[in-house]
Amino acid sequence: MQRVKLSPPETLIFSMERRVGISDLNYARHMDSVAMIRVIHEARLQFLADLGFSESNIYGLGMVVTDLAIDFRSESFANDVLTIDVGISQFNRYGLDIGFQVTNRALDTVVCIAKLGVVFFDFDNHKLAELPGAFRSLLEKPASRVA
């Protein structure tokens, strides 16, 4: 079976940290893949909040995840502190890709690279919406944010 191979985001525009909790572990006592999805989701929400938005209100539109890929590189255990770096790429008419690099801070080891494809959605009219130009412009500014 062919493995998913992802590259880290080229330009990082947001970063946050999170400690791995006991409830994040699986039977093998390392971080569970579902817990990592929650971490990636939290990083996306924190990134949007840092910009002054929520996933349900970005210039009046919502953001919907269309796909998710994770390329695991190493394990993570209870009490590890993870640094989650976020970058943006692949703008298109309706959305963009949000890339993540999750690193074990103490070991300086990449735990995983992930990518979320997202589109914008008009929930009132229940239809896809074009990516707001103002949002794209905001993301293309070369400012780095650290939570």
N, C-alpha and C. Protein backbone atom coordinates (compact mmCIF):
# COMPACT_ATOMS: atom_id res chain seq x y z
N MET A 1 0.84 -1.18 0.00
CA MET A 1 0.00 0.00 0.00
C MET A 1 0.89 1.24 0.00
N GLN A 2 0.54 2.18 -0.85
CA GLN A 2 1.31 3.42 -0.95
C GLN A 2 1.01 4.32 0.23
N ARG A 3 2.06 4.87 0.85
CA ARG A 3 1.91 5.78 1.98
C ARG A 3 1.64 7.19 1.52
N VAL A 4 0.92 7.95 2.34
CA VAL A 4 0.73 9.37 2.11
C VAL A 4 2.04 10.07 2.47
N LYS A 5 2.54 10.88 1.57
CA LYS A 5 3.77 11.64 1.81
C LYS A 5 3.43 13.13 1.69
N LEU A 6 3.58 13.84 2.79
CA LEU A 6 3.30 15.27 2.80
C LEU A 6 4.58 16.05 3.09
N SER A 7 4.63 17.26 2.60
CA SER A 7 5.74 18.16 2.91
C SER A 7 5.26 19.18 3.94
N PRO A 8 6.16 19.64 4.79
CA PRO A 8 5.75 20.67 5.76
C PRO A 8 5.35 21.95 5.03
N PRO A 9 4.53 22.77 5.68
CA PRO A 9 4.16 24.05 5.07
C PRO A 9 5.42 24.88 4.79
N GLU A 10 5.47 25.51 3.61
CA GLU A 10 6.65 26.31 3.25
C GLU A 10 6.77 27.56 4.10
N THR A 11 5.66 28.24 4.31
CA THR A 11 5.66 29.46 5.10
C THR A 11 4.74 29.26 6.30
N LEU A 12 5.30 29.41 7.49
CA LEU A 12 4.52 29.24 8.71
C LEU A 12 3.99 30.60 9.16
N ILE A 13 2.68 30.65 9.45
CA ILE A 13 2.08 31.93 9.82
C ILE A 13 1.43 31.90 11.20
N PHE A 14 1.44 30.75 11.86
CA PHE A 14 0.86 30.65 13.19
C PHE A 14 1.50 29.46 13.88
N SER A 15 1.63 29.56 15.21
CA SER A 15 2.19 28.46 15.99
C SER A 15 1.52 28.43 17.36
N MET A 16 1.34 27.23 17.87
CA MET A 16 0.80 27.06 19.22
C MET A 16 1.43 25.82 19.84
N GLU A 17 1.28 25.67 21.14
CA GLU A 17 1.80 24.50 21.83
C GLU A 17 0.67 23.78 22.56
N ARG A 18 0.85 22.47 22.72
CA ARG A 18 -0.12 21.65 23.45
C ARG A 18 0.60 20.47 24.08
N ARG A 19 0.29 20.23 25.34
CA ARG A 19 0.84 19.09 26.06
C ARG A 19 -0.01 17.85 25.79
N VAL A 20 0.64 16.72 25.56
CA VAL A 20 -0.07 15.46 25.34
C VAL A 20 -0.59 14.96 26.68
N GLY A 21 -1.89 14.72 26.77
CA GLY A 21 -2.52 14.25 28.01
C GLY A 21 -2.68 12.74 28.03
N ILE A 22 -2.97 12.23 29.19
CA ILE A 22 -3.20 10.80 29.36
C ILE A 22 -4.35 10.33 28.47
N SER A 23 -5.39 11.14 28.36
CA SER A 23 -6.55 10.75 27.56
C SER A 23 -6.25 10.76 26.06
N ASP A 24 -5.09 11.27 25.64
CA ASP A 24 -4.69 11.27 24.24
C ASP A 24 -4.02 9.96 23.82
N LEU A 25 -3.76 9.07 24.80
CA LEU A 25 -2.99 7.86 24.53
C LEU A 25 -3.87 6.69 24.13
N ASN A 26 -3.28 5.75 23.39
CA ASN A 26 -3.99 4.52 23.02
C ASN A 26 -3.43 3.36 23.82
N TYR A 27 -3.83 2.15 23.48
CA TYR A 27 -3.40 0.96 24.21
C TYR A 27 -1.89 0.75 24.20
N ALA A 28 -1.19 1.28 23.20
CA ALA A 28 0.27 1.15 23.12
C ALA A 28 0.99 2.27 23.90
N ARG A 29 0.20 3.11 24.56
CA ARG A 29 0.69 4.20 25.41
C ARG A 29 1.39 5.33 24.63
N HIS A 30 1.07 5.44 23.34
CA HIS A 30 1.51 6.61 22.60
C HIS A 30 0.28 7.34 22.08
N MET A 31 0.49 8.55 21.58
CA MET A 31 -0.63 9.39 21.16
C MET A 31 -1.44 8.69 20.07
N ASP A 32 -2.73 8.67 20.26
CA ASP A 32 -3.68 8.05 19.35
C ASP A 32 -3.87 8.94 18.11
N SER A 33 -4.13 8.31 16.98
CA SER A 33 -4.33 9.08 15.74
C SER A 33 -5.55 9.99 15.82
N VAL A 34 -6.59 9.55 16.49
CA VAL A 34 -7.79 10.39 16.65
C VAL A 34 -7.48 11.61 17.51
N ALA A 35 -6.64 11.44 18.53
CA ALA A 35 -6.22 12.58 19.35
C ALA A 35 -5.45 13.58 18.51
N MET A 36 -4.63 13.09 17.57
CA MET A 36 -3.88 14.01 16.71
C MET A 36 -4.83 14.81 15.83
N ILE A 37 -5.89 14.18 15.35
CA ILE A 37 -6.88 14.91 14.56
C ILE A 37 -7.49 16.03 15.39
N ARG A 38 -7.77 15.75 16.67
CA ARG A 38 -8.30 16.80 17.55
C ARG A 38 -7.29 17.93 17.72
N VAL A 39 -6.02 17.61 17.84
CA VAL A 39 -4.97 18.64 17.98
C VAL A 39 -4.93 19.51 16.72
N ILE A 40 -5.00 18.88 15.56
CA ILE A 40 -4.97 19.62 14.30
C ILE A 40 -6.21 20.50 14.18
N HIS A 41 -7.35 19.98 14.56
CA HIS A 41 -8.59 20.78 14.54
C HIS A 41 -8.46 21.97 15.48
N GLU A 42 -7.94 21.75 16.69
CA GLU A 42 -7.75 22.84 17.65
C GLU A 42 -6.81 23.90 17.09
N ALA A 43 -5.74 23.46 16.44
CA ALA A 43 -4.79 24.42 15.86
C ALA A 43 -5.46 25.28 14.79
N ARG A 44 -6.32 24.66 13.99
CA ARG A 44 -7.06 25.43 12.97
C ARG A 44 -7.97 26.46 13.62
N LEU A 45 -8.68 26.05 14.68
CA LEU A 45 -9.58 26.98 15.37
C LEU A 45 -8.81 28.10 16.06
N GLN A 46 -7.68 27.78 16.68
CA GLN A 46 -6.85 28.81 17.33
C GLN A 46 -6.26 29.77 16.30
N PHE A 47 -5.86 29.24 15.17
CA PHE A 47 -5.35 30.06 14.07
C PHE A 47 -6.42 31.05 13.60
N LEU A 48 -7.63 30.55 13.38
CA LEU A 48 -8.72 31.43 12.97
C LEU A 48 -9.03 32.47 14.04
N ALA A 49 -9.05 32.05 15.31
CA ALA A 49 -9.32 32.98 16.41
C ALA A 49 -8.26 34.06 16.47
N ASP A 50 -7.01 33.69 16.22
CA ASP A 50 -5.92 34.67 16.21
C ASP A 50 -6.14 35.75 15.14
N LEU A 51 -6.81 35.36 14.07
CA LEU A 51 -7.13 36.30 13.00
C LEU A 51 -8.43 37.07 13.27
N GLY A 52 -9.14 36.68 14.34
CA GLY A 52 -10.39 37.34 14.68
C GLY A 52 -11.63 36.68 14.11
N PHE A 53 -11.51 35.41 13.71
CA PHE A 53 -12.62 34.69 13.10
C PHE A 53 -12.95 33.43 13.88
N SER A 54 -14.08 32.81 13.52
CA SER A 54 -14.42 31.46 13.96
C SER A 54 -14.70 30.66 12.70
N GLU A 55 -14.78 29.33 12.81
CA GLU A 55 -15.02 28.54 11.60
C GLU A 55 -16.42 28.76 11.04
N SER A 56 -17.31 29.35 11.84
CA SER A 56 -18.66 29.61 11.36
C SER A 56 -18.87 31.06 10.90
N ASN A 57 -17.83 31.89 11.04
CA ASN A 57 -17.98 33.29 10.61
C ASN A 57 -16.65 33.87 10.16
N ILE A 58 -16.38 33.70 8.88
CA ILE A 58 -15.24 34.33 8.23
C ILE A 58 -15.83 35.22 7.15
N TYR A 59 -15.93 36.49 7.48
CA TYR A 59 -16.59 37.44 6.59
C TYR A 59 -18.00 36.95 6.23
N GLY A 60 -18.70 36.39 7.23
CA GLY A 60 -20.07 35.94 7.05
C GLY A 60 -20.23 34.54 6.49
N LEU A 61 -19.12 33.88 6.20
CA LEU A 61 -19.17 32.52 5.64
C LEU A 61 -18.59 31.52 6.63
N GLY A 62 -18.92 30.26 6.43
CA GLY A 62 -18.35 29.20 7.24
C GLY A 62 -17.21 28.52 6.51
N MET A 63 -16.40 27.80 7.27
CA MET A 63 -15.30 27.01 6.71
C MET A 63 -15.60 25.54 6.95
N VAL A 64 -15.55 24.73 5.90
CA VAL A 64 -15.87 23.31 5.98
C VAL A 64 -14.64 22.51 5.53
N VAL A 65 -14.29 21.49 6.31
CA VAL A 65 -13.18 20.62 5.95
C VAL A 65 -13.64 19.63 4.88
N THR A 66 -12.89 19.55 3.78
CA THR A 66 -13.23 18.63 2.69
C THR A 66 -12.33 17.40 2.66
N ASP A 67 -11.11 17.53 3.15
CA ASP A 67 -10.23 16.37 3.21
C ASP A 67 -9.16 16.58 4.27
N LEU A 68 -8.59 15.46 4.71
CA LEU A 68 -7.57 15.46 5.74
C LEU A 68 -6.57 14.37 5.43
N ALA A 69 -5.28 14.70 5.52
CA ALA A 69 -4.23 13.70 5.36
C ALA A 69 -3.20 13.94 6.45
N ILE A 70 -2.71 12.84 7.03
CA ILE A 70 -1.68 12.92 8.07
C ILE A 70 -0.57 11.94 7.72
N ASP A 71 0.64 12.44 7.75
CA ASP A 71 1.84 11.64 7.52
C ASP A 71 2.58 11.56 8.85
N PHE A 72 2.36 10.45 9.58
CA PHE A 72 3.01 10.28 10.89
C PHE A 72 4.48 9.96 10.70
N ARG A 73 5.33 10.63 11.50
CA ARG A 73 6.77 10.44 11.39
C ARG A 73 7.39 9.82 12.64
N SER A 74 6.79 10.10 13.81
CA SER A 74 7.33 9.55 15.06
C SER A 74 6.23 9.50 16.11
N GLU A 75 6.51 8.84 17.22
CA GLU A 75 5.54 8.71 18.30
C GLU A 75 5.58 9.94 19.21
N SER A 76 4.54 10.07 19.99
CA SER A 76 4.47 11.08 21.03
C SER A 76 3.82 10.45 22.25
N PHE A 77 4.27 10.83 23.43
CA PHE A 77 3.84 10.18 24.67
C PHE A 77 3.29 11.21 25.66
N ALA A 78 2.68 10.72 26.73
CA ALA A 78 2.10 11.60 27.76
C ALA A 78 3.13 12.61 28.24
N ASN A 79 2.68 13.82 28.39
CA ASN A 79 3.44 14.97 28.87
C ASN A 79 4.41 15.55 27.87
N ASP A 80 4.53 14.98 26.67
CA ASP A 80 5.31 15.64 25.62
C ASP A 80 4.63 16.97 25.30
N VAL A 81 5.43 17.97 25.03
CA VAL A 81 4.89 19.25 24.59
C VAL A 81 5.07 19.32 23.08
N LEU A 82 3.95 19.49 22.39
CA LEU A 82 3.96 19.56 20.94
C LEU A 82 3.87 21.00 20.48
N THR A 83 4.66 21.35 19.49
CA THR A 83 4.55 22.63 18.82
C THR A 83 3.83 22.36 17.51
N ILE A 84 2.74 23.08 17.28
CA ILE A 84 1.96 22.91 16.07
C ILE A 84 2.11 24.18 15.24
N ASP A 85 2.82 24.06 14.13
CA ASP A 85 3.02 25.18 13.21
C ASP A 85 2.03 25.06 12.07
N VAL A 86 1.48 26.20 11.65
CA VAL A 86 0.42 26.24 10.65
C VAL A 86 0.86 27.11 9.47
N GLY A 87 0.56 26.63 8.27
CA GLY A 87 0.81 27.39 7.05
C GLY A 87 -0.33 27.22 6.08
N ILE A 88 -0.36 28.04 5.06
CA ILE A 88 -1.44 28.06 4.07
C ILE A 88 -0.86 27.84 2.68
N SER A 89 -1.60 27.10 1.84
CA SER A 89 -1.16 26.92 0.45
C SER A 89 -2.36 26.58 -0.42
N GLN A 90 -2.10 26.44 -1.69
CA GLN A 90 -3.08 25.95 -2.66
C GLN A 90 -4.42 26.69 -2.62
N PHE A 91 -4.36 28.01 -2.73
CA PHE A 91 -5.61 28.76 -2.84
C PHE A 91 -6.34 28.32 -4.11
N ASN A 92 -7.66 28.25 -4.03
CA ASN A 92 -8.47 27.99 -5.22
C ASN A 92 -9.72 28.84 -5.13
N ARG A 93 -10.61 28.69 -6.06
CA ARG A 93 -11.81 29.53 -6.12
C ARG A 93 -12.64 29.47 -4.84
N TYR A 94 -12.74 28.28 -4.24
CA TYR A 94 -13.63 28.09 -3.10
C TYR A 94 -12.91 27.89 -1.77
N GLY A 95 -11.61 27.73 -1.77
CA GLY A 95 -10.94 27.43 -0.51
C GLY A 95 -9.43 27.42 -0.61
N LEU A 96 -8.84 26.58 0.23
CA LEU A 96 -7.39 26.54 0.34
C LEU A 96 -6.99 25.30 1.14
N ASP A 97 -5.70 25.06 1.21
CA ASP A 97 -5.17 24.01 2.07
C ASP A 97 -4.52 24.65 3.28
N ILE A 98 -4.72 24.03 4.43
CA ILE A 98 -4.05 24.45 5.66
C ILE A 98 -3.08 23.32 6.02
N GLY A 99 -1.81 23.66 6.11
CA GLY A 99 -0.79 22.67 6.42
C GLY A 99 -0.33 22.79 7.86
N PHE A 100 0.09 21.66 8.43
CA PHE A 100 0.52 21.61 9.82
C PHE A 100 1.80 20.81 9.93
N GLN A 101 2.69 21.28 10.78
CA GLN A 101 3.84 20.48 11.18
C GLN A 101 3.80 20.40 12.70
N VAL A 102 3.70 19.18 13.21
CA VAL A 102 3.64 18.95 14.66
C VAL A 102 4.98 18.40 15.09
N THR A 103 5.61 19.09 16.04
CA THR A 103 6.96 18.75 16.48
C THR A 103 6.98 18.50 17.97
N ASN A 104 7.72 17.49 18.40
CA ASN A 104 7.97 17.26 19.83
C ASN A 104 9.03 18.28 20.24
N ARG A 105 8.64 19.22 21.08
CA ARG A 105 9.52 20.34 21.43
C ARG A 105 10.83 19.88 22.07
N ALA A 106 10.77 18.95 23.02
CA ALA A 106 11.97 18.52 23.74
C ALA A 106 12.95 17.78 22.84
N LEU A 107 12.42 16.97 21.95
CA LEU A 107 13.29 16.17 21.09
C LEU A 107 13.59 16.83 19.75
N ASP A 108 12.88 17.92 19.44
CA ASP A 108 12.98 18.59 18.15
C ASP A 108 12.79 17.58 17.01
N THR A 109 11.78 16.72 17.19
CA THR A 109 11.46 15.66 16.24
C THR A 109 10.07 15.91 15.66
N VAL A 110 9.95 15.79 14.36
CA VAL A 110 8.64 15.94 13.73
C VAL A 110 7.79 14.71 14.05
N VAL A 111 6.63 14.95 14.65
CA VAL A 111 5.68 13.88 14.97
C VAL A 111 4.81 13.58 13.75
N CYS A 112 4.34 14.62 13.08
CA CYS A 112 3.56 14.42 11.86
C CYS A 112 3.50 15.70 11.04
N ILE A 113 3.19 15.49 9.78
CA ILE A 113 2.85 16.57 8.86
C ILE A 113 1.40 16.29 8.47
N ALA A 114 0.57 17.33 8.44
CA ALA A 114 -0.84 17.14 8.10
C ALA A 114 -1.30 18.23 7.15
N LYS A 115 -2.38 17.93 6.44
CA LYS A 115 -2.97 18.89 5.53
C LYS A 115 -4.48 18.78 5.60
N LEU A 116 -5.13 19.91 5.73
CA LEU A 116 -6.59 20.00 5.66
C LEU A 116 -6.96 20.77 4.41
N GLY A 117 -7.84 20.23 3.60
CA GLY A 117 -8.45 21.00 2.52
C GLY A 117 -9.73 21.60 3.08
N VAL A 118 -9.93 22.88 2.85
CA VAL A 118 -11.14 23.55 3.35
C VAL A 118 -11.78 24.36 2.22
N VAL A 119 -13.09 24.48 2.31
CA VAL A 119 -13.84 25.34 1.41
C VAL A 119 -14.71 26.28 2.24
N PHE A 120 -15.16 27.33 1.59
CA PHE A 120 -16.06 28.27 2.25
C PHE A 120 -17.49 27.92 1.88
N PHE A 121 -18.37 28.12 2.86
CA PHE A 121 -19.75 27.67 2.70
C PHE A 121 -20.70 28.72 3.24
N ASP A 122 -21.73 28.99 2.48
CA ASP A 122 -22.81 29.89 2.89
C ASP A 122 -23.88 29.01 3.54
N PHE A 123 -23.90 28.99 4.86
CA PHE A 123 -24.83 28.11 5.57
C PHE A 123 -26.28 28.57 5.42
N ASP A 124 -26.50 29.87 5.28
CA ASP A 124 -27.87 30.37 5.11
C ASP A 124 -28.49 29.85 3.81
N ASN A 125 -27.69 29.79 2.75
CA ASN A 125 -28.20 29.34 1.45
C ASN A 125 -27.78 27.91 1.13
N HIS A 126 -27.08 27.28 2.03
CA HIS A 126 -26.62 25.90 1.91
C HIS A 126 -25.93 25.64 0.57
N LYS A 127 -24.86 26.44 0.32
CA LYS A 127 -24.11 26.24 -0.92
C LYS A 127 -22.67 26.72 -0.75
N LEU A 128 -21.82 26.20 -1.61
CA LEU A 128 -20.43 26.64 -1.63
C LEU A 128 -20.35 28.13 -1.90
N ALA A 129 -19.32 28.75 -1.36
CA ALA A 129 -19.11 30.18 -1.58
C ALA A 129 -17.65 30.39 -1.98
N GLU A 130 -17.41 31.44 -2.73
CA GLU A 130 -16.05 31.75 -3.13
C GLU A 130 -15.24 32.22 -1.93
N LEU A 131 -13.95 31.89 -1.97
CA LEU A 131 -13.01 32.32 -0.93
C LEU A 131 -13.03 33.85 -0.88
N PRO A 132 -13.30 34.43 0.29
CA PRO A 132 -13.33 35.90 0.38
C PRO A 132 -11.96 36.49 0.05
N GLY A 133 -11.94 37.44 -0.87
CA GLY A 133 -10.69 38.10 -1.26
C GLY A 133 -9.98 38.74 -0.08
N ALA A 134 -10.75 39.31 0.84
CA ALA A 134 -10.13 39.96 2.01
C ALA A 134 -9.43 38.93 2.90
N PHE A 135 -9.98 37.72 2.98
CA PHE A 135 -9.36 36.67 3.79
C PHE A 135 -8.05 36.21 3.14
N ARG A 136 -8.07 36.04 1.83
CA ARG A 136 -6.84 35.66 1.13
C ARG A 136 -5.77 36.72 1.31
N SER A 137 -6.14 37.97 1.16
CA SER A 137 -5.18 39.07 1.34
C SER A 137 -4.58 39.07 2.75
N LEU A 138 -5.42 38.83 3.72
CA LEU A 138 -4.96 38.78 5.11
C LEU A 138 -3.94 37.66 5.31
N LEU A 139 -4.19 36.50 4.71
CA LEU A 139 -3.29 35.36 4.85
C LEU A 139 -1.98 35.53 4.09
N GLU A 140 -2.02 36.30 3.04
CA GLU A 140 -0.81 36.49 2.22
C GLU A 140 0.13 37.53 2.79
N LYS A 141 -0.29 38.24 3.85
CA LYS A 141 0.63 39.17 4.52
C LYS A 141 1.73 38.37 5.19
N PRO A 142 2.96 38.82 5.14
CA PRO A 142 4.08 38.05 5.70
C PRO A 142 4.25 38.22 7.21
N ALA A 143 3.17 38.21 7.95
CA ALA A 143 3.25 38.34 9.42
C ALA A 143 3.23 36.97 10.06
N SER A 144 4.04 36.76 11.07
CA SER A 144 4.07 35.48 11.79
C SER A 144 3.36 35.66 13.11
N ARG A 145 2.56 34.67 13.49
CA ARG A 145 1.81 34.75 14.73
C ARG A 145 2.17 33.56 15.61
N VAL A 146 2.35 33.82 16.90
CA VAL A 146 2.63 32.75 17.85
C VAL A 146 1.64 32.86 18.99
N ALA A 147 0.93 31.77 19.28
CA ALA A 147 -0.06 31.77 20.38
C ALA A 147 0.62 31.42 21.68
